[in-house]
Amino acid sequence: MSIIKSLSVGDGDMFYIKHGSSNFTIIDCCLTNDNKSTIASEIKTERKEKSITRFISTHPDEDHIQQLDYLDDEIGILNFYCVKNKAIKDKITPGFTRYSNLRDSDKAFFLSKGCSRKWMNQSGAGDNGVDHGCAGINILWPDTDNEHFKAELQKAAEGTAFNNISCIVKYSLEGGVTAVWMGDLETDFMDTIVDDVVLSKTHILFAPHHGRKSGRIPQKWITAMDPDIIVMGEANANNSDYAAYPGRNKIRQNSAWDITFECEGGKVHCYSSNPNYSVDFLDDEGASTFDNYIGTLNIGSA
């Protein structure tokens, strides 16, 4: 069993995966003075019995690295995963300073399409003879040889744009759920690389760019992934793309607040921190591990 949690952090992204193995994964960081103590405390508690903690940064926009310095000070990031880049910014925040320091340190592991690493997507014993198991995380993008991606890297190096150096992260639980994150990839760029990314059946898809119209996913990718649930982020009403993906089941984070997915073989039990939130597309199996159960997604054997 594993737990995927999508934290309600406003106009930004932050997730964690509590794996069934000895792994714990954090994806992005968007902390404020109001939530930072609570979220850091939760992460410390949830990862307490795990041997390996990794932090995946999809890209260095502020709403994905906000107060990364605080998180690092609290938990001590030893494994920092990001796309290899030379991003700079005119406005230097403590979060970006810490991002740059981690990116340029020996704690960094650079993500690219098909990359592999022990315990990220490979099992095996370490130097101490301990096998921490596999996290089931694979990287579907970027292709570092792709000319369009190289052009986006150059924009980041010039400090003009950062969204389209986002990686695409896939998490798979053996015999169970598959989930995909796309950072803040923008529609125009996705259209450009639409034939360069191989996607397959996905049960939970986290919509890029917080569910904004500017991050609408190409239909070819939606067809390939055939997502059972699309999580729409907390874009404001003027920018949100709630009309996108007709006929697809959606959970809207700005209404659901924190969303917890309890993943086991063939099933995902779903919970919302909003006691008044509900959906009509999930099965009622009476799960009660967490508060405010909203239903179960039955996916069969993956």
Protein backbone atom coordinates (compact mmCIF):
# COMPACT_ATOMS: atom_id res chain seq x y z
CA MET A 1 0.00 0.00 0.00
CA SER A 2 1.08 3.59 -0.58
CA ILE A 3 -0.30 7.06 0.12
CA ILE A 4 -0.31 9.93 -2.37
CA LYS A 5 -1.20 13.29 -0.88
CA SER A 6 -1.90 16.46 -2.84
CA LEU A 7 -1.57 19.34 -0.41
CA SER A 8 -3.81 22.38 -0.70
CA VAL A 9 -1.27 25.20 -0.81
CA GLY A 10 -3.08 27.85 -2.83
CA ASP A 11 -1.62 28.99 -6.13
CA GLY A 12 1.19 26.44 -6.14
CA ASP A 13 1.94 22.73 -5.95
CA MET A 14 3.16 20.35 -3.27
CA PHE A 15 2.73 16.58 -2.98
CA TYR A 16 4.19 13.60 -1.21
CA ILE A 17 4.17 9.85 -1.72
CA LYS A 18 4.52 7.54 1.25
CA HIS A 19 5.65 4.39 -0.52
CA GLY A 20 5.01 0.84 0.62
CA SER A 21 8.79 0.33 0.49
CA SER A 22 11.37 2.22 2.55
CA ASN A 23 10.98 5.27 0.29
CA PHE A 24 9.36 8.67 0.77
CA THR A 25 9.04 11.18 -2.07
CA ILE A 26 8.21 14.90 -1.96
CA ILE A 27 7.27 16.65 -5.20
CA ASP A 28 7.62 20.44 -5.25
CA CYS A 29 7.32 22.90 -2.39
CA CYS A 30 4.94 25.81 -1.84
CA LEU A 31 5.06 26.87 1.78
CA THR A 32 3.77 30.04 3.41
CA ASN A 33 4.20 31.42 6.90
CA ASP A 34 0.70 30.13 7.65
CA ASN A 35 1.17 26.51 6.54
CA LYS A 36 4.88 25.79 6.74
CA SER A 37 5.05 24.51 10.29
CA THR A 38 2.03 22.22 9.87
CA ILE A 39 3.19 20.75 6.55
CA ALA A 40 6.81 20.26 7.62
CA SER A 41 5.64 18.55 10.80
CA GLU A 42 3.36 16.25 8.81
CA ILE A 43 6.17 15.31 6.43
CA LYS A 44 8.53 14.59 9.31
CA THR A 45 5.93 12.35 10.91
CA GLU A 46 4.97 10.49 7.73
CA ARG A 47 8.54 9.80 6.64
CA LYS A 48 9.73 8.85 10.11
CA GLU A 49 10.08 5.13 9.42
CA LYS A 50 11.41 5.53 5.86
CA SER A 51 15.08 5.14 5.05
CA ILE A 52 15.18 7.09 1.77
CA THR A 53 13.64 10.53 1.25
CA ARG A 54 13.91 12.26 -2.12
CA PHE A 55 12.74 15.70 -3.17
CA ILE A 56 11.68 16.10 -6.81
CA SER A 57 11.58 19.64 -8.16
CA THR A 58 9.59 19.75 -11.39
CA HIS A 59 10.95 23.23 -12.24
CA PRO A 60 12.21 26.35 -10.44
CA ASP A 61 9.18 28.66 -10.63
CA GLU A 62 8.57 30.29 -7.27
CA ASP A 63 5.19 28.63 -6.64
CA HIS A 64 6.98 25.24 -6.77
CA ILE A 65 10.03 26.16 -4.64
CA GLN A 66 8.53 28.72 -2.26
CA GLN A 67 10.27 28.50 1.14
CA LEU A 68 12.25 25.46 0.01
CA ASP A 69 14.91 26.81 2.36
CA TYR A 70 12.57 26.32 5.32
CA LEU A 71 11.71 22.77 4.27
CA ASP A 72 15.38 21.91 3.77
CA ASP A 73 16.28 23.34 7.17
CA GLU A 74 13.51 21.30 8.78
CA ILE A 75 14.03 17.90 7.13
CA GLY A 76 17.53 18.03 5.62
CA ILE A 77 17.20 17.25 1.90
CA LEU A 78 19.88 14.69 0.98
CA ASN A 79 18.51 13.60 -2.42
CA PHE A 80 17.52 16.50 -4.67
CA TYR A 81 16.11 15.56 -8.08
CA CYS A 82 15.71 18.15 -10.82
CA VAL A 83 16.24 18.77 -14.51
CA LYS A 84 19.80 19.85 -15.23
CA ASN A 85 19.64 23.58 -15.86
CA LYS A 86 21.34 26.92 -15.34
CA ALA A 87 18.25 28.94 -14.47
CA ILE A 88 18.79 32.42 -13.11
CA LYS A 89 16.36 35.04 -11.85
CA ASP A 90 16.31 38.80 -11.50
CA LYS A 91 14.37 38.51 -8.25
CA ILE A 92 16.29 36.23 -5.93
CA THR A 93 14.16 34.63 -3.22
CA PRO A 94 15.37 32.41 -0.37
CA GLY A 95 13.57 29.50 -2.06
CA PHE A 96 15.42 30.01 -5.35
CA THR A 97 18.73 30.49 -3.58
CA ARG A 98 18.28 27.14 -1.83
CA TYR A 99 17.10 25.52 -5.08
CA SER A 100 20.27 26.74 -6.83
CA ASN A 101 22.50 25.56 -4.00
CA LEU A 102 20.93 22.09 -3.99
CA ARG A 103 20.94 21.88 -7.79
CA ASP A 104 24.63 22.71 -7.92
CA SER A 105 25.62 20.43 -5.04
CA ASP A 106 26.58 16.78 -4.77
CA LYS A 107 23.05 16.11 -3.47
CA ALA A 108 21.62 16.62 -6.95
CA PHE A 109 20.46 13.88 -9.32
CA PHE A 110 19.48 15.12 -12.76
CA LEU A 111 16.25 13.87 -14.28
CA SER A 112 15.79 12.97 -17.94
CA LYS A 113 13.64 10.66 -19.97
CA GLY A 114 14.30 7.04 -19.05
CA CYS A 115 16.87 7.78 -16.33
CA SER A 116 17.37 5.17 -13.65
CA ARG A 117 18.64 5.18 -10.10
CA LYS A 118 18.76 2.71 -7.26
CA TRP A 119 15.61 2.87 -5.16
CA MET A 120 13.95 5.42 -7.46
CA ASN A 121 13.14 2.73 -10.02
CA GLN A 122 15.68 0.02 -9.26
CA SER A 123 15.90 -2.33 -6.32
CA GLY A 124 19.21 -3.50 -4.91
CA ALA A 125 21.42 -3.43 -1.87
CA GLY A 126 23.43 -0.35 -1.01
CA ASP A 127 26.95 -0.20 0.34
CA ASN A 128 25.63 -1.26 3.74
CA GLY A 129 23.90 -4.27 2.22
CA VAL A 130 20.40 -2.87 2.75
CA ASP A 131 17.84 -2.97 -0.08
CA HIS A 132 15.37 -0.14 0.43
CA GLY A 133 13.05 -1.40 -2.30
CA CYS A 134 11.83 0.49 -5.33
CA ALA A 135 9.82 3.72 -5.34
CA GLY A 136 8.26 2.99 -8.74
CA ILE A 137 9.13 6.43 -10.13
CA ASN A 138 10.01 6.89 -13.79
CA ILE A 139 10.72 10.02 -15.79
CA LEU A 140 8.93 10.38 -19.13
CA TRP A 141 10.31 13.82 -20.05
CA PRO A 142 12.56 15.74 -20.76
CA ASP A 143 14.48 14.36 -23.69
CA THR A 144 17.66 16.36 -23.21
CA ASP A 145 18.52 16.01 -26.92
CA ASN A 146 15.23 17.56 -28.01
CA GLU A 147 15.80 20.92 -29.72
CA HIS A 148 12.58 22.42 -28.36
CA PHE A 149 13.59 21.49 -24.82
CA LYS A 150 17.05 22.95 -25.37
CA ALA A 151 15.42 26.23 -26.40
CA GLU A 152 13.45 26.26 -23.14
CA LEU A 153 16.63 25.57 -21.16
CA GLN A 154 18.16 28.62 -22.80
CA LYS A 155 15.21 30.77 -21.73
CA ALA A 156 15.67 29.56 -18.16
CA ALA A 157 19.40 30.33 -18.35
CA GLU A 158 18.48 33.85 -19.47
CA GLY A 159 15.97 34.18 -16.63
CA THR A 160 12.98 34.72 -18.91
CA ALA A 161 10.86 31.53 -18.60
CA PHE A 162 10.86 28.36 -16.50
CA ASN A 163 7.60 26.44 -16.95
CA ASN A 164 8.61 24.41 -19.98
CA ILE A 165 11.69 22.86 -18.41
CA SER A 166 9.25 20.88 -16.24
CA CYS A 167 9.76 17.15 -16.07
CA ILE A 168 6.98 14.56 -16.43
CA VAL A 169 6.98 12.16 -13.49
CA LYS A 170 5.19 8.81 -13.44
CA TYR A 171 4.58 6.80 -10.29
CA SER A 172 3.40 3.19 -10.52
CA LEU A 173 2.42 0.84 -7.72
CA GLU A 174 2.88 -2.78 -8.74
CA GLY A 175 -0.55 -4.24 -9.36
CA GLY A 176 -2.18 -0.89 -8.62
CA VAL A 177 -2.31 2.81 -9.30
CA THR A 178 -0.40 4.85 -11.88
CA ALA A 179 -0.16 8.62 -11.33
CA VAL A 180 1.42 11.34 -13.48
CA TRP A 181 2.67 14.86 -12.69
CA MET A 182 3.55 17.41 -15.40
CA GLY A 183 4.73 20.45 -13.45
CA ASP A 184 3.75 23.65 -15.25
CA LEU A 185 4.10 22.57 -18.87
CA GLU A 186 2.23 24.98 -21.13
CA THR A 187 -0.18 24.04 -23.90
CA ASP A 188 1.81 25.55 -26.77
CA PHE A 189 4.94 23.68 -25.73
CA MET A 190 3.08 20.40 -25.18
CA ASP A 191 1.63 20.75 -28.68
CA THR A 192 5.17 21.14 -29.99
CA ILE A 193 6.45 17.95 -28.33
CA VAL A 194 3.21 15.97 -28.55
CA ASP A 195 4.80 13.19 -30.63
CA ASP A 196 7.96 13.01 -28.53
CA VAL A 197 6.47 11.76 -25.25
CA VAL A 198 5.28 8.18 -24.76
CA LEU A 199 2.33 7.98 -22.39
CA SER A 200 0.16 5.06 -21.29
CA LYS A 201 -2.82 4.27 -19.08
CA THR A 202 -2.93 6.61 -16.09
CA HIS A 203 -5.35 6.41 -13.18
CA ILE A 204 -4.64 9.77 -11.52
CA LEU A 205 -3.43 12.73 -13.58
CA PHE A 206 -2.42 15.99 -11.93
CA ALA A 207 -3.26 18.67 -14.48
CA PRO A 208 -0.28 20.87 -15.39
CA HIS A 209 -0.10 24.55 -14.53
CA HIS A 210 -2.59 24.16 -11.67
CA GLY A 211 -5.43 23.38 -14.06
CA ARG A 212 -5.08 26.68 -15.92
CA LYS A 213 -6.22 27.17 -19.50
CA SER A 214 -2.58 27.77 -20.41
CA GLY A 215 -1.80 24.18 -19.34
CA ARG A 216 -4.51 22.32 -21.25
CA ILE A 217 -3.16 18.90 -22.22
CA PRO A 218 -3.24 17.88 -25.90
CA GLN A 219 -6.04 15.48 -26.77
CA LYS A 220 -3.52 12.95 -28.08
CA TRP A 221 -1.99 12.70 -24.61
CA ILE A 222 -5.39 12.52 -22.90
CA THR A 223 -6.38 9.67 -25.21
CA ALA A 224 -3.12 7.82 -24.50
CA MET A 225 -3.40 8.22 -20.73
CA ASP A 226 -7.19 7.72 -20.51
CA PRO A 227 -7.14 9.11 -16.94
CA ASP A 228 -9.75 7.91 -14.44
CA ILE A 229 -9.35 11.04 -12.31
CA ILE A 230 -7.91 14.43 -13.28
CA VAL A 231 -6.94 16.58 -10.31
CA MET A 232 -7.43 20.22 -11.19
CA GLY A 233 -5.21 22.53 -9.17
CA GLU A 234 -6.04 25.76 -7.42
CA ALA A 235 -5.99 28.17 -10.34
CA ASN A 236 -8.34 31.08 -9.73
CA ALA A 237 -11.74 31.12 -11.42
CA ASN A 238 -10.65 33.48 -14.20
CA ASN A 239 -7.75 31.23 -15.26
CA SER A 240 -9.09 27.76 -14.48
CA ASP A 241 -9.94 25.35 -17.26
CA TYR A 242 -12.80 23.44 -15.65
CA ALA A 243 -14.49 23.01 -19.03
CA ALA A 244 -11.48 21.09 -20.34
CA TYR A 245 -11.45 17.32 -20.73
CA PRO A 246 -15.20 16.80 -21.27
CA GLY A 247 -16.47 13.47 -20.02
CA ARG A 248 -13.52 13.03 -17.65
CA ASN A 249 -13.87 12.69 -13.90
CA LYS A 250 -12.26 15.57 -12.02
CA ILE A 251 -11.43 16.46 -8.44
CA ARG A 252 -11.06 20.20 -7.93
CA GLN A 253 -8.47 20.98 -5.30
CA ASN A 254 -9.79 24.45 -4.55
CA SER A 255 -13.01 22.77 -3.37
CA ALA A 256 -11.61 19.49 -2.00
CA TRP A 257 -8.65 21.09 -0.18
CA ASP A 258 -6.09 18.42 0.77
CA ILE A 259 -6.63 15.23 -1.24
CA THR A 260 -5.36 11.88 0.02
CA PHE A 261 -5.23 8.77 -2.16
CA GLU A 262 -4.84 5.49 -0.26
CA CYS A 263 -3.50 3.10 -2.90
CA GLU A 264 -3.62 -0.66 -2.66
CA GLY A 265 -3.86 -3.50 -5.15
CA GLY A 266 -6.54 -2.57 -7.67
CA LYS A 267 -8.11 0.14 -5.51
CA VAL A 268 -7.62 3.78 -4.60
CA HIS A 269 -9.58 5.06 -1.60
CA CYS A 270 -10.00 8.83 -1.86
CA TYR A 271 -10.33 11.38 0.94
CA SER A 272 -10.83 15.14 1.04
CA SER A 273 -10.01 17.42 3.97
CA ASN A 274 -13.20 19.37 3.17
CA PRO A 275 -15.97 17.53 5.05
CA ASN A 276 -18.56 18.94 2.66
CA TYR A 277 -16.87 17.83 -0.57
CA SER A 278 -18.27 14.95 -2.61
CA VAL A 279 -18.14 13.43 -6.09
CA ASP A 280 -20.53 11.05 -7.83
CA PHE A 281 -18.13 8.88 -9.82
CA LEU A 282 -16.48 6.83 -7.06
CA ASP A 283 -17.70 3.63 -5.42
CA ASP A 284 -18.71 3.67 -1.77
CA GLU A 285 -16.72 1.00 0.06
CA GLY A 286 -16.83 2.59 3.48
CA ALA A 287 -13.09 3.18 3.82
CA SER A 288 -12.12 4.97 7.01
CA THR A 289 -8.34 5.18 7.32
CA PHE A 290 -8.57 8.97 7.11
CA ASP A 291 -11.34 11.49 7.70
CA ASN A 292 -13.82 12.57 5.02
CA TYR A 293 -13.83 9.55 2.72
CA ILE A 294 -15.33 10.47 -0.67
CA GLY A 295 -15.19 7.09 -2.43
CA THR A 296 -13.06 4.41 -4.05
CA LEU A 297 -11.66 4.12 -7.54
CA ASN A 298 -11.61 0.48 -8.60
CA ILE A 299 -8.94 -0.05 -11.21
CA GLY A 300 -8.47 -3.81 -11.22
CA SER A 301 -5.01 -5.21 -11.84
CA ALA A 302 -2.67 -2.76 -13.53
